PDB file of N, CA and C in Angstrom:
ATOM      1  N   MET A   1     127.385  16.554  68.716  1.00  0.00           N
ATOM      2  CA  MET A   1     128.047  17.820  68.473  1.00  0.00           C
ATOM      3  C   MET A   1     129.499  17.528  68.137  1.00  0.00           C
ATOM      4  N   SER A   2     129.961  18.113  67.078  1.00  0.00           N
ATOM      5  CA  SER A   2     131.328  17.886  66.624  1.00  0.00           C
ATOM      6  C   SER A   2     131.915  19.192  66.118  1.00  0.00           C
ATOM      7  N   ALA A   3     133.193  19.389  66.422  1.00  0.00           N
ATOM      8  CA  ALA A   3     133.871  20.580  65.922  1.00  0.00           C
ATOM      9  C   ALA A   3     134.058  20.509  64.414  1.00  0.00           C
ATOM     10  N   HIS A   4     133.987  19.292  63.862  1.00  0.00           N
ATOM     11  CA  HIS A   4     134.179  19.104  62.426  1.00  0.00           C
ATOM     12  C   HIS A   4     132.888  19.302  61.638  1.00  0.00           C
ATOM     13  N   ARG A   5     131.756  19.246  62.319  1.00  0.00           N
ATOM     14  CA  ARG A   5     130.454  19.448  61.686  1.00  0.00           C
ATOM     15  C   ARG A   5     129.652  20.437  62.537  1.00  0.00           C
ATOM     16  N   PRO A   6     129.894  21.719  62.340  1.00  0.00           N
ATOM     17  CA  PRO A   6     129.195  22.709  63.166  1.00  0.00           C
ATOM     18  C   PRO A   6     127.690  22.702  62.933  1.00  0.00           C
ATOM     19  N   ILE A   7     126.980  23.114  63.954  1.00  0.00           N
ATOM     20  CA  ILE A   7     125.529  23.225  63.875  1.00  0.00           C
ATOM     21  C   ILE A   7     125.194  24.550  63.184  1.00  0.00           C
ATOM     22  N   HIS A   8     124.289  24.497  62.260  1.00  0.00           N
ATOM     23  CA  HIS A   8     123.852  25.691  61.525  1.00  0.00           C
ATOM     24  C   HIS A   8     122.854  26.470  62.392  1.00  0.00           C
ATOM     25  N   PRO A   9     122.892  27.800  62.345  1.00  0.00           N
ATOM     26  CA  PRO A   9     121.963  28.593  63.160  1.00  0.00           C
ATOM     27  C   PRO A   9     120.490  28.277  62.924  1.00  0.00           C
ATOM     28  N   ALA A  10     120.144  27.796  61.747  1.00  0.00           N
ATOM     29  CA  ALA A  10     118.745  27.501  61.442  1.00  0.00           C
ATOM     30  C   ALA A  10     118.382  26.037  61.683  1.00  0.00           C
ATOM     31  N   ASP A  11     119.245  25.289  62.366  1.00  0.00           N
ATOM     32  CA  ASP A  11     118.964  23.874  62.642  1.00  0.00           C
ATOM     33  C   ASP A  11     117.671  23.777  63.451  1.00  0.00           C
ATOM     34  N   PRO A  12     116.703  22.999  62.985  1.00  0.00           N
ATOM     35  CA  PRO A  12     115.409  22.895  63.684  1.00  0.00           C
ATOM     36  C   PRO A  12     115.525  22.375  65.114  1.00  0.00           C
ATOM     37  N   ALA A  13     116.557  21.619  65.424  1.00  0.00           N
ATOM     38  CA  ALA A  13     116.720  21.092  66.779  1.00  0.00           C
ATOM     39  C   ALA A  13     116.910  22.217  67.795  1.00  0.00           C
ATOM     40  N   LEU A  14     117.423  23.349  67.352  1.00  0.00           N
ATOM     41  CA  LEU A  14     117.660  24.464  68.269  1.00  0.00           C
ATOM     42  C   LEU A  14     116.367  25.140  68.710  1.00  0.00           C
ATOM     43  N   LEU A  15     115.304  24.951  67.950  1.00  0.00           N
ATOM     44  CA  LEU A  15     114.034  25.573  68.292  1.00  0.00           C
ATOM     45  C   LEU A  15     113.445  25.014  69.582  1.00  0.00           C
ATOM     46  N   HIS A  16     113.886  23.831  69.968  1.00  0.00           N
ATOM     47  CA  HIS A  16     113.334  23.162  71.137  1.00  0.00           C
ATOM     48  C   HIS A  16     114.151  23.410  72.402  1.00  0.00           C
ATOM     49  N   LEU A  17     115.225  24.196  72.302  1.00  0.00           N
ATOM     50  CA  LEU A  17     116.027  24.486  73.480  1.00  0.00           C
ATOM     51  C   LEU A  17     115.246  25.388  74.431  1.00  0.00           C
ATOM     52  N   THR A  18     115.230  24.997  75.690  1.00  0.00           N
ATOM     53  CA  THR A  18     114.571  25.822  76.706  1.00  0.00           C
ATOM     54  C   THR A  18     115.578  26.803  77.285  1.00  0.00           C
ATOM     55  N   ASP A  19     115.079  27.798  78.003  1.00  0.00           N
ATOM     56  CA  ASP A  19     115.975  28.735  78.675  1.00  0.00           C
ATOM     57  C   ASP A  19     116.883  27.993  79.647  1.00  0.00           C
ATOM     58  N   ARG A  20     116.341  27.005  80.327  1.00  0.00           N
ATOM     59  CA  ARG A  20     117.133  26.214  81.289  1.00  0.00           C
ATOM     60  C   ARG A  20     118.284  25.501  80.577  1.00  0.00           C
ATOM     61  N   GLN A  21     118.022  24.896  79.434  1.00  0.00           N
ATOM     62  CA  GLN A  21     119.069  24.217  78.677  1.00  0.00           C
ATOM     63  C   GLN A  21     120.124  25.204  78.195  1.00  0.00           C
ATOM     64  N   LEU A  22     119.700  26.382  77.758  1.00  0.00           N
ATOM     65  CA  LEU A  22     120.659  27.404  77.329  1.00  0.00           C
ATOM     66  C   LEU A  22     121.528  27.852  78.503  1.00  0.00           C
ATOM     67  N   ILE A  23     120.917  28.019  79.670  1.00  0.00           N
ATOM     68  CA  ILE A  23     121.688  28.398  80.854  1.00  0.00           C
ATOM     69  C   ILE A  23     122.728  27.343  81.174  1.00  0.00           C
ATOM     70  N   GLU A  24     122.357  26.068  81.089  1.00  0.00           N
ATOM     71  CA  GLU A  24     123.304  24.988  81.347  1.00  0.00           C
ATOM     72  C   GLU A  24     124.451  24.998  80.344  1.00  0.00           C
ATOM     73  N   LEU A  25     124.160  25.286  79.074  1.00  0.00           N
ATOM     74  CA  LEU A  25     125.210  25.388  78.063  1.00  0.00           C
ATOM     75  C   LEU A  25     126.129  26.579  78.330  1.00  0.00           C
ATOM     76  N   ILE A  26     125.547  27.686  78.771  1.00  0.00           N
ATOM     77  CA  ILE A  26     126.350  28.868  79.089  1.00  0.00           C
ATOM     78  C   ILE A  26     127.274  28.586  80.266  1.00  0.00           C
ATOM     79  N   VAL A  27     126.754  27.924  81.291  1.00  0.00           N
ATOM     80  CA  VAL A  27     127.578  27.563  82.451  1.00  0.00           C
ATOM     81  C   VAL A  27     128.717  26.650  82.003  1.00  0.00           C
ATOM     82  N   GLU A  28     128.410  25.697  81.140  1.00  0.00           N
ATOM     83  CA  GLU A  28     129.443  24.791  80.630  1.00  0.00           C
ATOM     84  C   GLU A  28     130.482  25.550  79.808  1.00  0.00           C
ATOM     85  N   LEU A  29     130.034  26.489  78.969  1.00  0.00           N
ATOM     86  CA  LEU A  29     130.969  27.286  78.181  1.00  0.00           C
ATOM     87  C   LEU A  29     131.882  28.099  79.090  1.00  0.00           C
ATOM     88  N   ARG A  30     131.312  28.707  80.114  1.00  0.00           N
ATOM     89  CA  ARG A  30     132.133  29.478  81.058  1.00  0.00           C
ATOM     90  C   ARG A  30     133.177  28.592  81.718  1.00  0.00           C
ATOM     91  N   THR A  31     132.773  27.397  82.116  1.00  0.00           N
ATOM     92  CA  THR A  31     133.688  26.471  82.785  1.00  0.00           C
ATOM     93  C   THR A  31     134.778  25.993  81.837  1.00  0.00           C
ATOM     94  N   GLU A  32     134.380  25.564  80.645  1.00  0.00           N
ATOM     95  CA  GLU A  32     135.326  25.026  79.669  1.00  0.00           C
ATOM     96  C   GLU A  32     136.307  26.086  79.163  1.00  0.00           C
ATOM     97  N   SER A  33     135.842  27.317  79.012  1.00  0.00           N
ATOM     98  CA  SER A  33     136.675  28.340  78.384  1.00  0.00           C
ATOM     99  C   SER A  33     137.557  29.099  79.373  1.00  0.00           C
ATOM    100  N   ARG A  34     137.278  28.972  80.653  1.00  0.00           N
ATOM    101  CA  ARG A  34     138.051  29.700  81.665  1.00  0.00           C
ATOM    102  C   ARG A  34     139.539  29.381  81.566  1.00  0.00           C
ATOM    103  N   GLU A  35     139.867  28.121  81.305  1.00  0.00           N
ATOM    104  CA  GLU A  35     141.259  27.683  81.174  1.00  0.00           C
ATOM    105  C   GLU A  35     141.998  28.462  80.084  1.00  0.00           C
ATOM    106  N   PHE A  36     141.272  28.914  79.080  1.00  0.00           N
ATOM    107  CA  PHE A  36     141.871  29.609  77.945  1.00  0.00           C
ATOM    108  C   PHE A  36     141.752  31.127  78.060  1.00  0.00           C
ATOM    109  N   GLY A  37     141.272  31.600  79.191  1.00  0.00           N
ATOM    110  CA  GLY A  37     141.148  33.032  79.412  1.00  0.00           C
ATOM    111  C   GLY A  37     139.945  33.659  78.740  1.00  0.00           C
ATOM    112  N   LEU A  38     139.003  32.847  78.312  1.00  0.00           N
ATOM    113  CA  LEU A  38     137.780  33.359  77.676  1.00  0.00           C
ATOM    114  C   LEU A  38     136.696  33.489  78.733  1.00  0.00           C
ATOM    115  N   LEU A  39     136.202  34.680  78.927  1.00  0.00           N
ATOM    116  CA  LEU A  39     135.198  34.931  79.952  1.00  0.00           C
ATOM    117  C   LEU A  39     133.907  35.417  79.306  1.00  0.00           C
ATOM    118  N   TRP A  40     132.788  34.984  79.844  1.00  0.00           N
ATOM    119  CA  TRP A  40     131.477  35.356  79.315  1.00  0.00           C
ATOM    120  C   TRP A  40     130.600  35.813  80.492  1.00  0.00           C
ATOM    121  N   PRO A  41     130.947  36.906  81.157  1.00  0.00           N
ATOM    122  CA  PRO A  41     130.241  37.281  82.381  1.00  0.00           C
ATOM    123  C   PRO A  41     128.779  37.666  82.190  1.00  0.00           C
ATOM    124  N   SER A  42     128.433  38.212  81.057  1.00  0.00           N
ATOM    125  CA  SER A  42     127.059  38.687  80.883  1.00  0.00           C
ATOM    126  C   SER A  42     126.220  37.778  80.002  1.00  0.00           C
ATOM    127  N   ALA A  43     126.707  36.582  79.717  1.00  0.00           N
ATOM    128  CA  ALA A  43     125.953  35.681  78.848  1.00  0.00           C
ATOM    129  C   ALA A  43     124.655  35.250  79.519  1.00  0.00           C
ATOM    130  N   GLY A  44     123.614  35.158  78.731  1.00  0.00           N
ATOM    131  CA  GLY A  44     122.324  34.715  79.224  1.00  0.00           C
ATOM    132  C   GLY A  44     121.430  34.348  78.062  1.00  0.00           C
ATOM    133  N   PRO A  45     120.349  33.612  78.341  1.00  0.00           N
ATOM    134  CA  PRO A  45     119.433  33.276  77.263  1.00  0.00           C
ATOM    135  C   PRO A  45     118.861  34.546  76.659  1.00  0.00           C
ATOM    136  N   GLY A  46     118.837  34.597  75.346  1.00  0.00           N
ATOM    137  CA  GLY A  46     118.302  35.771  74.665  1.00  0.00           C
ATOM    138  C   GLY A  46     116.923  35.497  74.134  1.00  0.00           C
ATOM    139  N   GLU A  47     116.556  36.279  73.172  1.00  0.00           N
ATOM    140  CA  GLU A  47     115.227  36.148  72.589  1.00  0.00           C
ATOM    141  C   GLU A  47     115.252  35.185  71.411  1.00  0.00           C
ATOM    142  N   THR A  48     114.105  34.997  70.816  1.00  0.00           N
ATOM    143  CA  THR A  48     113.980  34.257  69.572  1.00  0.00           C
ATOM    144  C   THR A  48     113.736  35.296  68.488  1.00  0.00           C
ATOM    145  N   ASN A  49     114.540  35.256  67.433  1.00  0.00           N
ATOM    146  CA  ASN A  49     114.382  36.288  66.405  1.00  0.00           C
ATOM    147  C   ASN A  49     113.278  35.925  65.411  1.00  0.00           C
ATOM    148  N   LEU A  50     113.089  36.749  64.415  1.00  0.00           N
ATOM    149  CA  LEU A  50     111.991  36.565  63.469  1.00  0.00           C
ATOM    150  C   LEU A  50     112.060  35.268  62.690  1.00  0.00           C
ATOM    151  N   HIS A  51     113.248  34.731  62.535  1.00  0.00           N
ATOM    152  CA  HIS A  51     113.406  33.492  61.775  1.00  0.00           C
ATOM    153  C   HIS A  51     113.329  32.270  62.675  1.00  0.00           C
ATOM    154  N   GLY A  52     112.967  32.445  63.940  1.00  0.00           N
ATOM    155  CA  GLY A  52     112.814  31.338  64.865  1.00  0.00           C
ATOM    156  C   GLY A  52     114.113  30.842  65.460  1.00  0.00           C
ATOM    157  N   ARG A  53     115.198  31.564  65.285  1.00  0.00           N
ATOM    158  CA  ARG A  53     116.481  31.137  65.828  1.00  0.00           C
ATOM    159  C   ARG A  53     116.600  31.569  67.280  1.00  0.00           C
ATOM    160  N   ARG A  54     117.058  30.635  68.133  1.00  0.00           N
ATOM    161  CA  ARG A  54     117.289  30.971  69.536  1.00  0.00           C
ATOM    162  C   ARG A  54     118.569  31.772  69.632  1.00  0.00           C
ATOM    163  N   LEU A  55     118.561  32.856  70.380  1.00  0.00           N
ATOM    164  CA  LEU A  55     119.729  33.703  70.540  1.00  0.00           C
ATOM    165  C   LEU A  55     120.239  33.624  71.972  1.00  0.00           C
ATOM    166  N   VAL A  56     121.519  33.841  72.114  1.00  0.00           N
ATOM    167  CA  VAL A  56     122.163  33.907  73.413  1.00  0.00           C
ATOM    168  C   VAL A  56     122.738  35.302  73.523  1.00  0.00           C
ATOM    169  N   SER A  57     122.580  35.914  74.666  1.00  0.00           N
ATOM    170  CA  SER A  57     123.068  37.284  74.837  1.00  0.00           C
ATOM    171  C   SER A  57     124.573  37.290  75.073  1.00  0.00           C
ATOM    172  N   LEU A  58     125.296  37.155  74.009  1.00  0.00           N
ATOM    173  CA  LEU A  58     126.741  37.382  73.951  1.00  0.00           C
ATOM    174  C   LEU A  58     126.914  38.436  72.869  1.00  0.00           C
ATOM    175  N   GLY A  59     125.936  39.292  72.787  1.00  0.00           N
ATOM    176  CA  GLY A  59     125.815  40.192  71.657  1.00  0.00           C
ATOM    177  C   GLY A  59     124.758  39.619  70.728  1.00  0.00           C
ATOM    178  N   ASN A  60     123.847  38.832  71.280  1.00  0.00           N
ATOM    179  CA  ASN A  60     122.770  38.159  70.553  1.00  0.00           C
ATOM    180  C   ASN A  60     123.269  37.293  69.400  1.00  0.00           C
ATOM    181  N   VAL A  61     124.110  36.354  69.725  1.00  0.00           N
ATOM    182  CA  VAL A  61     124.565  35.374  68.747  1.00  0.00           C
ATOM    183  C   VAL A  61     123.585  34.201  68.740  1.00  0.00           C
ATOM    184  N   PRO A  62     123.502  33.461  67.657  1.00  0.00           N
ATOM    185  CA  PRO A  62     122.633  32.281  67.643  1.00  0.00           C
ATOM    186  C   PRO A  62     123.113  31.233  68.658  1.00  0.00           C
ATOM    187  N   ALA A  63     122.178  30.465  69.173  1.00  0.00           N
ATOM    188  CA  ALA A  63     122.516  29.398  70.118  1.00  0.00           C
ATOM    189  C   ALA A  63     123.505  28.422  69.493  1.00  0.00           C
ATOM    190  N   SER A  64     123.466  28.284  68.184  1.00  0.00           N
ATOM    191  CA  SER A  64     124.399  27.380  67.505  1.00  0.00           C
ATOM    192  C   SER A  64     125.842  27.821  67.722  1.00  0.00           C
ATOM    193  N   THR A  65     126.077  29.126  67.832  1.00  0.00           N
ATOM    194  CA  THR A  65     127.428  29.623  68.074  1.00  0.00           C
ATOM    195  C   THR A  65     127.932  29.143  69.423  1.00  0.00           C
ATOM    196  N   LEU A  66     127.077  29.185  70.424  1.00  0.00           N
ATOM    197  CA  LEU A  66     127.420  28.689  71.750  1.00  0.00           C
ATOM    198  C   LEU A  66     127.787  27.210  71.702  1.00  0.00           C
ATOM    199  N   ILE A  67     126.966  26.427  71.039  1.00  0.00           N
ATOM    200  CA  ILE A  67     127.194  24.988  70.938  1.00  0.00           C
ATOM    201  C   ILE A  67     128.463  24.705  70.142  1.00  0.00           C
ATOM    202  N   ASN A  68     128.679  25.441  69.053  1.00  0.00           N
ATOM    203  CA  ASN A  68     129.876  25.235  68.244  1.00  0.00           C
ATOM    204  C   ASN A  68     131.146  25.641  68.999  1.00  0.00           C
ATOM    205  N   LEU A  69     131.082  26.694  69.807  1.00  0.00           N
ATOM    206  CA  LEU A  69     132.233  27.079  70.632  1.00  0.00           C
ATOM    207  C   LEU A  69     132.581  25.974  71.625  1.00  0.00           C
ATOM    208  N   LEU A  70     131.564  25.407  72.248  1.00  0.00           N
ATOM    209  CA  LEU A  70     131.797  24.297  73.173  1.00  0.00           C
ATOM    210  C   LEU A  70     132.450  23.118  72.460  1.00  0.00           C
ATOM    211  N   ALA A  71     131.986  22.815  71.264  1.00  0.00           N
ATOM    212  CA  ALA A  71     132.556  21.703  70.502  1.00  0.00           C
ATOM    213  C   ALA A  71     134.024  21.955  70.177  1.00  0.00           C
ATOM    214  N   LEU A  72     134.352  23.187  69.802  1.00  0.00           N
ATOM    215  CA  LEU A  72     135.747  23.522  69.497  1.00  0.00           C
ATOM    216  C   LEU A  72     136.633  23.397  70.732  1.00  0.00           C
ATOM    217  N   LEU A  73     136.156  23.881  71.863  1.00  0.00           N
ATOM    218  CA  LEU A  73     136.934  23.774  73.099  1.00  0.00           C
ATOM    219  C   LEU A  73     137.151  22.326  73.497  1.00  0.00           C
ATOM    220  N   ARG A  74     136.102  21.521  73.383  1.00  0.00           N
ATOM    221  CA  ARG A  74     136.227  20.092  73.719  1.00  0.00           C
ATOM    222  C   ARG A  74     137.198  19.382  72.776  1.00  0.00           C
ATOM    223  N   GLU A  75     137.100  19.695  71.490  1.00  0.00           N
ATOM    224  CA  GLU A  75     137.989  19.070  70.504  1.00  0.00           C
ATOM    225  C   GLU A  75     139.440  19.459  70.774  1.00  0.00           C
ATOM    226  N   PHE A  76     139.672  20.722  71.072  1.00  0.00           N
ATOM    227  CA  PHE A  76     141.031  21.167  71.386  1.00  0.00           C
ATOM    228  C   PHE A  76     141.563  20.435  72.609  1.00  0.00           C
ATOM    229  N   ARG A  77     140.757  20.368  73.660  1.00  0.00           N
ATOM    230  CA  ARG A  77     141.178  19.686  74.886  1.00  0.00           C
ATOM    231  C   ARG A  77     141.450  18.203  74.619  1.00  0.00           C
ATOM    232  N   ARG A  78     140.579  17.566  73.833  1.00  0.00           N
ATOM    233  CA  ARG A  78     140.751  16.145  73.531  1.00  0.00           C
ATOM    234  C   ARG A  78     142.064  15.919  72.784  1.00  0.00           C
ATOM    235  N   CYS A  79     142.345  16.725  71.774  1.00  0.00           N
ATOM    236  CA  CYS A  79     143.588  16.585  70.999  1.00  0.00           C
ATOM    237  C   CYS A  79     144.817  16.885  71.860  1.00  0.00           C
ATOM    238  N   ARG A  80     144.704  17.911  72.683  1.00  0.00           N
ATOM    239  CA  ARG A  80     145.828  18.283  73.539  1.00  0.00           C
ATOM    240  C   ARG A  80     146.131  17.174  74.551  1.00  0.00           C
ATOM    241  N   ASP A  81     145.093  16.609  75.149  1.00  0.00           N
ATOM    242  CA  ASP A  81     145.271  15.579  76.163  1.00  0.00           C
ATOM    243  C   ASP A  81     145.707  14.240  75.566  1.00  0.00           C
ATOM    244  N   ALA A  82     145.494  14.046  74.265  1.00  0.00           N
ATOM    245  CA  ALA A  82     145.873  12.790  73.598  1.00  0.00           C
ATOM    246  C   ALA A  82     147.353  12.753  73.240  1.00  0.00           C
ATOM    247  N   ARG A  83     148.005  13.910  73.264  1.00  0.00           N
ATOM    248  CA  ARG A  83     149.432  13.958  72.932  1.00  0.00           C
ATOM    249  C   ARG A  83     150.242  13.245  74.007  1.00  0.00           C
ATOM    250  N   PRO A  84     151.304  12.549  73.581  1.00  0.00           N
ATOM    251  CA  PRO A  84     152.132  11.822  74.565  1.00  0.00           C
ATOM    252  C   PRO A  84     152.949  12.735  75.450  1.00  0.00           C
TER     253      PRO A  84
END
């Protein structure tokens, strides 16, 4: 996962995500984003839409959005912590 190469919502790898894995990603997003004042109190695994995309209940965004948000937060933290 890289902030420079976001995951596309139709990436076939996302079809294999379980609810448990999505919950773990949501917990990680909540933890990582808290420092920046971003809160996701009602996030939870959502349904699978007609095109087979896994959704997360943040307003039913694709799971790729969750993963890409995590990548951006990690990249920001890495760059910030690398500064002298």
